N, C-alpha and C. Protein backbone atom coordinates (compact mmCIF):
# COMPACT_ATOMS: atom_id res chain seq x y z
N MET A 1 3.34 -173.29 44.43
CA MET A 1 2.15 -172.52 44.73
C MET A 1 2.37 -171.08 44.28
N SER A 2 1.38 -170.54 43.65
CA SER A 2 1.47 -169.18 43.14
C SER A 2 0.94 -168.19 44.17
N ILE A 3 1.69 -167.11 44.36
CA ILE A 3 1.28 -166.05 45.28
C ILE A 3 0.70 -164.92 44.44
N SER A 4 -0.48 -164.46 44.80
CA SER A 4 -1.13 -163.39 44.05
C SER A 4 -1.72 -162.37 45.01
N GLY A 5 -1.39 -161.11 44.79
CA GLY A 5 -1.94 -160.04 45.62
C GLY A 5 -0.86 -159.09 46.08
N LEU A 6 -1.29 -158.11 46.85
CA LEU A 6 -0.36 -157.12 47.38
C LEU A 6 0.23 -157.58 48.71
N CYS A 7 1.41 -157.07 48.99
CA CYS A 7 2.05 -157.28 50.28
C CYS A 7 1.10 -156.79 51.37
N GLN A 8 0.86 -157.60 52.37
CA GLN A 8 -0.06 -157.23 53.44
C GLN A 8 0.62 -156.33 54.48
N ILE A 9 1.88 -156.05 54.31
CA ILE A 9 2.59 -155.16 55.23
C ILE A 9 2.62 -153.74 54.66
N CYS A 10 3.13 -153.57 53.44
CA CYS A 10 3.21 -152.22 52.87
C CYS A 10 2.01 -151.88 51.99
N GLU A 11 1.30 -152.89 51.53
CA GLU A 11 0.12 -152.72 50.69
C GLU A 11 0.39 -151.92 49.41
N SER A 12 1.64 -151.97 48.92
CA SER A 12 1.95 -151.25 47.69
C SER A 12 2.73 -152.09 46.68
N ARG A 13 3.44 -153.09 47.12
CA ARG A 13 4.22 -153.94 46.22
C ARG A 13 3.52 -155.29 46.05
N GLU A 14 3.82 -155.94 44.94
CA GLU A 14 3.29 -157.28 44.68
C GLU A 14 3.91 -158.28 45.65
N ALA A 15 3.08 -159.11 46.26
CA ALA A 15 3.57 -160.14 47.18
C ALA A 15 4.35 -161.19 46.41
N GLN A 16 5.47 -161.60 46.98
CA GLN A 16 6.32 -162.63 46.37
C GLN A 16 6.33 -163.92 47.20
N GLU A 17 6.07 -163.79 48.50
CA GLU A 17 6.20 -164.91 49.42
C GLU A 17 5.07 -164.92 50.44
N ARG A 18 4.91 -166.06 51.10
CA ARG A 18 3.95 -166.19 52.20
C ARG A 18 4.72 -166.61 53.44
N CYS A 19 4.50 -165.90 54.55
CA CYS A 19 5.18 -166.19 55.81
C CYS A 19 4.83 -167.60 56.28
N THR A 20 5.83 -168.37 56.64
CA THR A 20 5.60 -169.74 57.11
C THR A 20 5.03 -169.78 58.52
N ASN A 21 5.10 -168.66 59.24
CA ASN A 21 4.59 -168.61 60.60
C ASN A 21 3.13 -168.14 60.65
N CYS A 22 2.83 -167.00 60.03
CA CYS A 22 1.49 -166.42 60.15
C CYS A 22 0.68 -166.42 58.86
N GLY A 23 1.32 -166.72 57.73
CA GLY A 23 0.61 -166.77 56.46
C GLY A 23 0.48 -165.44 55.74
N THR A 24 1.07 -164.38 56.29
CA THR A 24 1.01 -163.06 55.67
C THR A 24 1.69 -163.08 54.31
N LEU A 25 1.05 -162.46 53.32
CA LEU A 25 1.67 -162.28 52.01
C LEU A 25 2.63 -161.11 52.11
N ALA A 26 3.85 -161.28 51.63
CA ALA A 26 4.86 -160.24 51.77
C ALA A 26 5.65 -160.06 50.48
N CYS A 27 6.02 -158.79 50.23
CA CYS A 27 6.89 -158.48 49.09
C CYS A 27 8.33 -158.83 49.47
N GLU A 28 9.21 -158.72 48.51
CA GLU A 28 10.62 -159.06 48.74
C GLU A 28 11.23 -158.21 49.86
N LYS A 29 10.81 -156.96 49.96
CA LYS A 29 11.36 -156.04 50.96
C LYS A 29 10.92 -156.40 52.39
N HIS A 30 9.76 -157.02 52.52
CA HIS A 30 9.20 -157.32 53.83
C HIS A 30 9.18 -158.82 54.13
N TYR A 31 10.13 -159.56 53.55
CA TYR A 31 10.21 -161.00 53.75
C TYR A 31 11.67 -161.40 53.95
N ASP A 32 11.93 -162.17 54.99
CA ASP A 32 13.28 -162.67 55.28
C ASP A 32 13.36 -164.10 54.75
N ARG A 33 13.97 -164.26 53.58
CA ARG A 33 14.06 -165.58 52.94
C ARG A 33 14.83 -166.58 53.79
N GLY A 34 15.85 -166.12 54.48
CA GLY A 34 16.65 -167.01 55.31
C GLY A 34 15.85 -167.65 56.44
N LYS A 35 14.90 -166.91 56.96
CA LYS A 35 14.07 -167.40 58.07
C LYS A 35 12.71 -167.91 57.59
N GLY A 36 12.32 -167.50 56.38
CA GLY A 36 11.00 -167.88 55.88
C GLY A 36 9.88 -167.13 56.56
N LEU A 37 10.20 -165.92 57.06
CA LEU A 37 9.25 -165.14 57.85
C LEU A 37 9.02 -163.76 57.26
N CYS A 38 7.81 -163.22 57.49
CA CYS A 38 7.55 -161.84 57.13
C CYS A 38 8.31 -160.93 58.10
N ALA A 39 8.37 -159.66 57.81
CA ALA A 39 9.12 -158.71 58.64
C ALA A 39 8.62 -158.70 60.08
N ASP A 40 7.30 -158.78 60.28
CA ASP A 40 6.75 -158.75 61.63
C ASP A 40 7.19 -159.97 62.44
N CYS A 41 7.06 -161.15 61.86
CA CYS A 41 7.44 -162.38 62.56
C CYS A 41 8.96 -162.45 62.78
N ALA A 42 9.74 -161.98 61.79
CA ALA A 42 11.19 -161.98 61.93
C ALA A 42 11.61 -161.06 63.07
N ALA A 43 10.95 -159.92 63.23
CA ALA A 43 11.27 -158.98 64.31
C ALA A 43 10.91 -159.59 65.67
N GLN A 44 9.82 -160.32 65.74
CA GLN A 44 9.42 -160.96 67.00
C GLN A 44 10.33 -162.12 67.35
N ALA A 45 10.84 -162.82 66.34
CA ALA A 45 11.71 -163.97 66.57
C ALA A 45 13.06 -163.54 67.12
N ASP A 46 13.56 -162.39 66.69
CA ASP A 46 14.86 -161.88 67.12
C ASP A 46 14.75 -160.42 67.54
N PRO A 47 14.09 -160.13 68.67
CA PRO A 47 13.96 -158.73 69.08
C PRO A 47 15.33 -158.09 69.30
N GLY A 48 15.48 -156.89 68.77
CA GLY A 48 16.73 -156.17 68.91
C GLY A 48 17.80 -156.59 67.92
N GLN A 49 17.54 -157.61 67.13
CA GLN A 49 18.50 -158.11 66.14
C GLN A 49 18.44 -157.26 64.89
N GLU A 50 19.57 -156.82 64.37
CA GLU A 50 19.62 -156.09 63.10
C GLU A 50 19.20 -157.03 61.98
N SER A 51 18.43 -156.52 61.05
CA SER A 51 17.97 -157.31 59.93
C SER A 51 17.97 -156.44 58.68
N ASP A 52 18.09 -157.08 57.53
CA ASP A 52 18.02 -156.33 56.28
C ASP A 52 16.59 -156.26 55.77
N VAL A 53 15.63 -156.74 56.55
CA VAL A 53 14.22 -156.71 56.19
C VAL A 53 13.59 -155.45 56.78
N ASP A 54 12.85 -154.74 55.97
CA ASP A 54 12.17 -153.51 56.40
C ASP A 54 10.98 -153.89 57.27
N ILE A 55 10.98 -153.47 58.54
CA ILE A 55 9.89 -153.81 59.45
C ILE A 55 8.89 -152.68 59.63
N HIS A 56 9.08 -151.59 58.92
CA HIS A 56 8.19 -150.44 59.06
C HIS A 56 6.95 -150.60 58.19
N ARG A 57 5.82 -150.27 58.76
CA ARG A 57 4.55 -150.27 58.02
C ARG A 57 4.28 -148.87 57.53
N PHE A 58 3.55 -148.78 56.46
CA PHE A 58 3.23 -147.47 55.87
C PHE A 58 1.80 -147.12 56.17
């Protein structure tokens, strides 16, 4: 499946993935490939857990 559009988190980078939990389109910076989740869902899944995914919105 082809992903087309901007990241729905930062709204500045091209989306590369779709979150398996909520369907949000996310760029590489805002997507956790290991979990298959966008930054928001990954943060909710592991509150307080350090992650290499940027969870900040612009």
